[in-house]
């Protein structure tokens, strides 16, 4: 099954406040994705603030990943100013699929 990266950057105007407000719902949603998620976590600025999210997910298609992203409470609340989704391949690193 293909892997996809979701690189999500918070909007600069109000994104941090929306992120803090929506974080519990986002974490519950992400935990419910199970083995679809191969890796996920916040993007951190040089000063230690959360400024976005990164997901590596398995899905059948780009359309499935777009639909998954649309259900993210952060996306629904307007936290993100930009979301880039790309198919990727795991070439190096622990956990590489056979």
N, C-alpha and C. Protein backbone atom coordinates (compact mmCIF):
# COMPACT_ATOMS: atom_id res chain seq x y z
N UNK A 1 0.85 -1.17 0.00
CA UNK A 1 0.00 0.00 0.00
C UNK A 1 0.89 1.24 0.00
N UNK A 2 0.56 2.25 -0.79
CA UNK A 2 1.39 3.45 -0.87
C UNK A 2 1.44 4.24 0.45
N UNK A 3 2.54 4.94 0.63
CA UNK A 3 2.71 5.86 1.75
C UNK A 3 2.54 7.28 1.25
N UNK A 4 1.98 8.13 2.11
CA UNK A 4 1.78 9.54 1.79
C UNK A 4 2.25 10.39 2.97
N UNK A 5 2.82 11.54 2.66
CA UNK A 5 3.17 12.50 3.70
C UNK A 5 2.16 13.64 3.67
N UNK A 6 1.79 14.08 4.84
CA UNK A 6 0.97 15.28 5.00
C UNK A 6 1.82 16.27 5.78
N UNK A 7 2.19 17.36 5.15
CA UNK A 7 2.99 18.41 5.76
C UNK A 7 2.04 19.60 5.93
N UNK A 8 1.66 19.86 7.18
CA UNK A 8 0.61 20.83 7.47
C UNK A 8 1.20 21.98 8.29
N UNK A 9 1.14 23.18 7.76
CA UNK A 9 1.66 24.35 8.47
C UNK A 9 0.50 25.19 8.99
N UNK A 10 0.60 25.56 10.27
CA UNK A 10 -0.44 26.39 10.87
C UNK A 10 -0.48 27.76 10.22
N UNK A 11 -1.69 28.33 10.16
CA UNK A 11 -1.77 29.70 9.66
C UNK A 11 -1.12 30.62 10.69
N UNK A 12 -0.50 31.67 10.21
CA UNK A 12 0.26 32.56 11.10
C UNK A 12 -0.64 33.42 11.97
N UNK A 13 -1.81 33.77 11.48
CA UNK A 13 -2.72 34.62 12.23
C UNK A 13 -3.76 33.76 12.94
N UNK A 14 -3.54 33.47 14.20
CA UNK A 14 -4.50 32.74 15.01
C UNK A 14 -4.34 31.23 15.01
N UNK A 15 -3.40 30.70 14.24
CA UNK A 15 -3.22 29.26 14.18
C UNK A 15 -2.84 28.64 15.52
N UNK A 16 -1.96 29.30 16.26
CA UNK A 16 -1.50 28.74 17.54
C UNK A 16 -2.65 28.63 18.54
N UNK A 17 -3.49 29.64 18.60
CA UNK A 17 -4.62 29.61 19.53
C UNK A 17 -5.61 28.52 19.14
N UNK A 18 -5.90 28.40 17.84
CA UNK A 18 -6.80 27.35 17.37
C UNK A 18 -6.22 25.97 17.63
N UNK A 19 -4.89 25.83 17.44
CA UNK A 19 -4.22 24.55 17.69
C UNK A 19 -4.41 24.15 19.16
N UNK A 20 -4.15 25.07 20.07
CA UNK A 20 -4.28 24.76 21.50
C UNK A 20 -5.72 24.38 21.84
N UNK A 21 -6.67 25.07 21.28
CA UNK A 21 -8.08 24.84 21.56
C UNK A 21 -8.55 23.48 21.01
N UNK A 22 -8.01 23.09 19.86
CA UNK A 22 -8.49 21.91 19.15
C UNK A 22 -7.65 20.67 19.43
N UNK A 23 -6.53 20.82 20.11
CA UNK A 23 -5.58 19.72 20.30
C UNK A 23 -6.20 18.44 20.87
N UNK A 24 -7.03 18.49 21.93
CA UNK A 24 -7.59 17.24 22.44
C UNK A 24 -8.40 16.47 21.38
N UNK A 25 -9.21 17.17 20.61
CA UNK A 25 -10.00 16.50 19.56
C UNK A 25 -9.10 15.95 18.47
N UNK A 26 -8.06 16.70 18.11
CA UNK A 26 -7.11 16.24 17.08
C UNK A 26 -6.40 14.97 17.55
N UNK A 27 -5.92 14.96 18.79
CA UNK A 27 -5.20 13.79 19.30
C UNK A 27 -6.10 12.56 19.37
N UNK A 28 -7.36 12.75 19.78
CA UNK A 28 -8.31 11.63 19.82
C UNK A 28 -8.57 11.10 18.42
N UNK A 29 -8.75 12.01 17.46
CA UNK A 29 -8.97 11.61 16.06
C UNK A 29 -7.76 10.83 15.55
N UNK A 30 -6.56 11.35 15.76
CA UNK A 30 -5.33 10.71 15.26
C UNK A 30 -5.14 9.34 15.90
N UNK A 31 -5.42 9.21 17.19
CA UNK A 31 -5.27 7.92 17.87
C UNK A 31 -6.22 6.88 17.29
N UNK A 32 -7.36 7.32 16.80
CA UNK A 32 -8.34 6.41 16.22
C UNK A 32 -8.01 5.93 14.82
N UNK A 33 -6.94 6.46 14.22
CA UNK A 33 -6.57 6.06 12.86
C UNK A 33 -5.83 4.73 12.83
N UNK A 34 -5.36 4.27 14.00
CA UNK A 34 -4.71 2.97 14.09
C UNK A 34 -3.50 2.82 13.19
N UNK A 35 -3.41 1.67 12.52
CA UNK A 35 -2.21 1.36 11.73
C UNK A 35 -2.12 2.14 10.42
N UNK A 36 -3.12 2.92 10.10
CA UNK A 36 -3.04 3.81 8.93
C UNK A 36 -1.87 4.77 9.08
N UNK A 37 -1.64 5.21 10.32
CA UNK A 37 -0.57 6.18 10.60
C UNK A 37 0.73 5.42 10.88
N UNK A 38 1.74 5.69 10.08
CA UNK A 38 3.05 5.09 10.30
C UNK A 38 3.91 5.97 11.19
N UNK A 39 3.68 7.27 11.16
CA UNK A 39 4.41 8.24 11.99
C UNK A 39 3.60 9.53 12.01
N UNK A 40 3.59 10.20 13.12
CA UNK A 40 2.92 11.50 13.20
C UNK A 40 3.50 12.30 14.36
N UNK A 41 3.45 13.61 14.23
CA UNK A 41 3.90 14.48 15.30
C UNK A 41 3.86 15.94 14.88
N UNK A 42 4.06 16.82 15.85
CA UNK A 42 4.04 18.25 15.54
C UNK A 42 5.33 18.70 14.85
N UNK A 43 5.21 19.75 14.07
CA UNK A 43 6.38 20.46 13.54
C UNK A 43 6.71 21.55 14.54
N UNK A 44 7.99 21.69 14.86
CA UNK A 44 8.43 22.59 15.94
C UNK A 44 9.32 23.69 15.36
N UNK A 45 9.05 24.93 15.77
CA UNK A 45 9.88 26.06 15.33
C UNK A 45 11.19 26.09 16.10
N UNK A 46 12.10 26.95 15.68
CA UNK A 46 13.41 27.09 16.34
C UNK A 46 13.27 27.50 17.80
N UNK A 47 12.18 28.20 18.14
CA UNK A 47 11.99 28.62 19.53
C UNK A 47 11.13 27.64 20.33
N UNK A 48 10.82 26.46 19.75
CA UNK A 48 10.14 25.40 20.48
C UNK A 48 8.62 25.40 20.38
N UNK A 49 8.05 26.28 19.58
CA UNK A 49 6.60 26.34 19.44
C UNK A 49 6.12 25.34 18.38
N UNK A 50 4.93 24.76 18.60
CA UNK A 50 4.33 23.91 17.58
C UNK A 50 3.79 24.80 16.46
N UNK A 51 4.20 24.50 15.23
CA UNK A 51 3.81 25.34 14.09
C UNK A 51 3.15 24.55 12.97
N UNK A 52 2.91 23.27 13.21
CA UNK A 52 2.30 22.45 12.18
C UNK A 52 2.29 20.99 12.59
N UNK A 53 1.92 20.15 11.63
CA UNK A 53 1.83 18.71 11.87
C UNK A 53 2.43 17.96 10.69
N UNK A 54 2.99 16.80 10.98
CA UNK A 54 3.53 15.91 9.95
C UNK A 54 2.95 14.53 10.17
N UNK A 55 2.41 13.95 9.12
CA UNK A 55 1.90 12.59 9.15
C UNK A 55 2.53 11.81 8.01
N UNK A 56 2.85 10.56 8.26
CA UNK A 56 3.15 9.57 7.22
C UNK A 56 2.06 8.52 7.37
N UNK A 57 1.26 8.35 6.32
CA UNK A 57 0.13 7.42 6.39
C UNK A 57 0.15 6.45 5.22
N UNK A 58 -0.46 5.30 5.44
CA UNK A 58 -0.69 4.33 4.37
C UNK A 58 -2.12 4.49 3.88
N UNK A 59 -2.30 4.51 2.58
CA UNK A 59 -3.64 4.65 2.01
C UNK A 59 -3.65 4.09 0.60
N UNK A 60 -4.83 3.77 0.13
CA UNK A 60 -4.97 3.23 -1.22
C UNK A 60 -4.76 4.27 -2.30
N UNK A 61 -5.08 5.55 -1.98
CA UNK A 61 -5.02 6.57 -3.02
C UNK A 61 -4.85 7.97 -2.42
N UNK A 62 -4.45 8.88 -3.27
CA UNK A 62 -4.34 10.28 -2.87
C UNK A 62 -5.71 10.82 -2.44
N UNK A 63 -6.75 10.40 -3.10
CA UNK A 63 -8.10 10.84 -2.74
C UNK A 63 -8.47 10.39 -1.33
N UNK A 64 -8.06 9.17 -0.96
CA UNK A 64 -8.31 8.69 0.40
C UNK A 64 -7.58 9.54 1.43
N UNK A 65 -6.36 9.96 1.11
CA UNK A 65 -5.58 10.78 2.04
C UNK A 65 -6.19 12.18 2.15
N UNK A 66 -6.65 12.72 1.05
CA UNK A 66 -7.33 14.02 1.10
C UNK A 66 -8.58 13.95 1.98
N UNK A 67 -9.33 12.86 1.85
CA UNK A 67 -10.53 12.69 2.67
C UNK A 67 -10.15 12.55 4.14
N UNK A 68 -9.09 11.80 4.43
CA UNK A 68 -8.61 11.64 5.80
C UNK A 68 -8.21 13.01 6.37
N UNK A 69 -7.47 13.78 5.60
CA UNK A 69 -7.03 15.10 6.04
C UNK A 69 -8.22 16.02 6.32
N UNK A 70 -9.25 15.92 5.50
CA UNK A 70 -10.43 16.77 5.67
C UNK A 70 -11.15 16.48 6.99
N UNK A 71 -10.99 15.26 7.51
CA UNK A 71 -11.64 14.90 8.78
C UNK A 71 -10.82 15.30 10.02
N UNK A 72 -9.59 15.75 9.82
CA UNK A 72 -8.74 16.16 10.94
C UNK A 72 -9.38 17.38 11.62
N UNK A 73 -9.64 17.30 12.93
CA UNK A 73 -10.21 18.45 13.62
C UNK A 73 -9.40 19.74 13.44
N UNK A 74 -8.07 19.63 13.32
CA UNK A 74 -7.28 20.84 13.05
C UNK A 74 -7.69 21.45 11.71
N UNK A 75 -7.84 20.63 10.71
CA UNK A 75 -8.24 21.11 9.39
C UNK A 75 -9.64 21.72 9.45
N UNK A 76 -10.55 21.04 10.12
CA UNK A 76 -11.92 21.52 10.22
C UNK A 76 -12.03 22.83 10.99
N UNK A 77 -11.14 23.04 11.97
CA UNK A 77 -11.16 24.27 12.78
C UNK A 77 -10.43 25.43 12.10
N UNK A 78 -9.74 25.16 11.00
CA UNK A 78 -9.01 26.22 10.31
C UNK A 78 -7.63 26.50 10.87
N UNK A 79 -7.03 25.52 11.55
CA UNK A 79 -5.69 25.70 12.11
C UNK A 79 -4.65 25.88 11.01
N UNK A 80 -4.77 25.10 9.95
CA UNK A 80 -3.74 25.07 8.92
C UNK A 80 -3.90 26.18 7.89
N UNK A 81 -2.78 26.78 7.56
CA UNK A 81 -2.72 27.73 6.46
C UNK A 81 -2.34 27.04 5.17
N UNK A 82 -1.68 25.89 5.30
CA UNK A 82 -1.23 25.14 4.13
C UNK A 82 -1.11 23.66 4.47
N UNK A 83 -1.59 22.82 3.56
CA UNK A 83 -1.45 21.38 3.70
C UNK A 83 -0.94 20.85 2.37
N UNK A 84 0.23 20.22 2.40
CA UNK A 84 0.81 19.58 1.21
C UNK A 84 0.77 18.08 1.42
N UNK A 85 0.25 17.37 0.43
CA UNK A 85 0.15 15.91 0.48
C UNK A 85 0.89 15.35 -0.72
N UNK A 86 1.80 14.41 -0.45
CA UNK A 86 2.59 13.78 -1.51
C UNK A 86 2.75 12.30 -1.24
N UNK A 87 2.72 11.51 -2.31
CA UNK A 87 3.10 10.11 -2.17
C UNK A 87 4.60 10.07 -1.91
N UNK A 88 5.01 9.12 -1.10
CA UNK A 88 6.43 8.98 -0.78
C UNK A 88 6.79 7.50 -0.74
N UNK A 89 8.07 7.23 -0.71
CA UNK A 89 8.55 5.86 -0.58
C UNK A 89 9.56 5.79 0.56
N UNK A 90 9.47 4.74 1.35
CA UNK A 90 10.36 4.54 2.49
C UNK A 90 11.61 3.86 1.96
N UNK A 91 12.70 4.59 1.87
CA UNK A 91 13.95 4.05 1.33
C UNK A 91 14.94 3.64 2.40
N UNK A 92 15.00 4.42 3.48
CA UNK A 92 16.01 4.20 4.52
C UNK A 92 15.35 4.38 5.89
N UNK A 93 15.80 3.60 6.87
CA UNK A 93 15.38 3.80 8.25
C UNK A 93 14.68 2.60 8.85
N UNK A 94 14.73 2.54 10.17
CA UNK A 94 14.08 1.47 10.91
C UNK A 94 12.58 1.45 10.61
N UNK A 95 12.03 0.26 10.52
CA UNK A 95 10.61 0.13 10.29
C UNK A 95 10.21 0.08 8.83
N UNK A 96 11.19 0.14 7.94
CA UNK A 96 10.91 0.12 6.51
C UNK A 96 10.12 -1.13 6.15
N UNK A 97 8.98 -0.96 5.44
CA UNK A 97 8.22 -2.14 5.03
C UNK A 97 9.04 -3.04 4.11
N UNK A 98 8.79 -4.33 4.19
CA UNK A 98 9.51 -5.30 3.35
C UNK A 98 9.11 -5.18 1.89
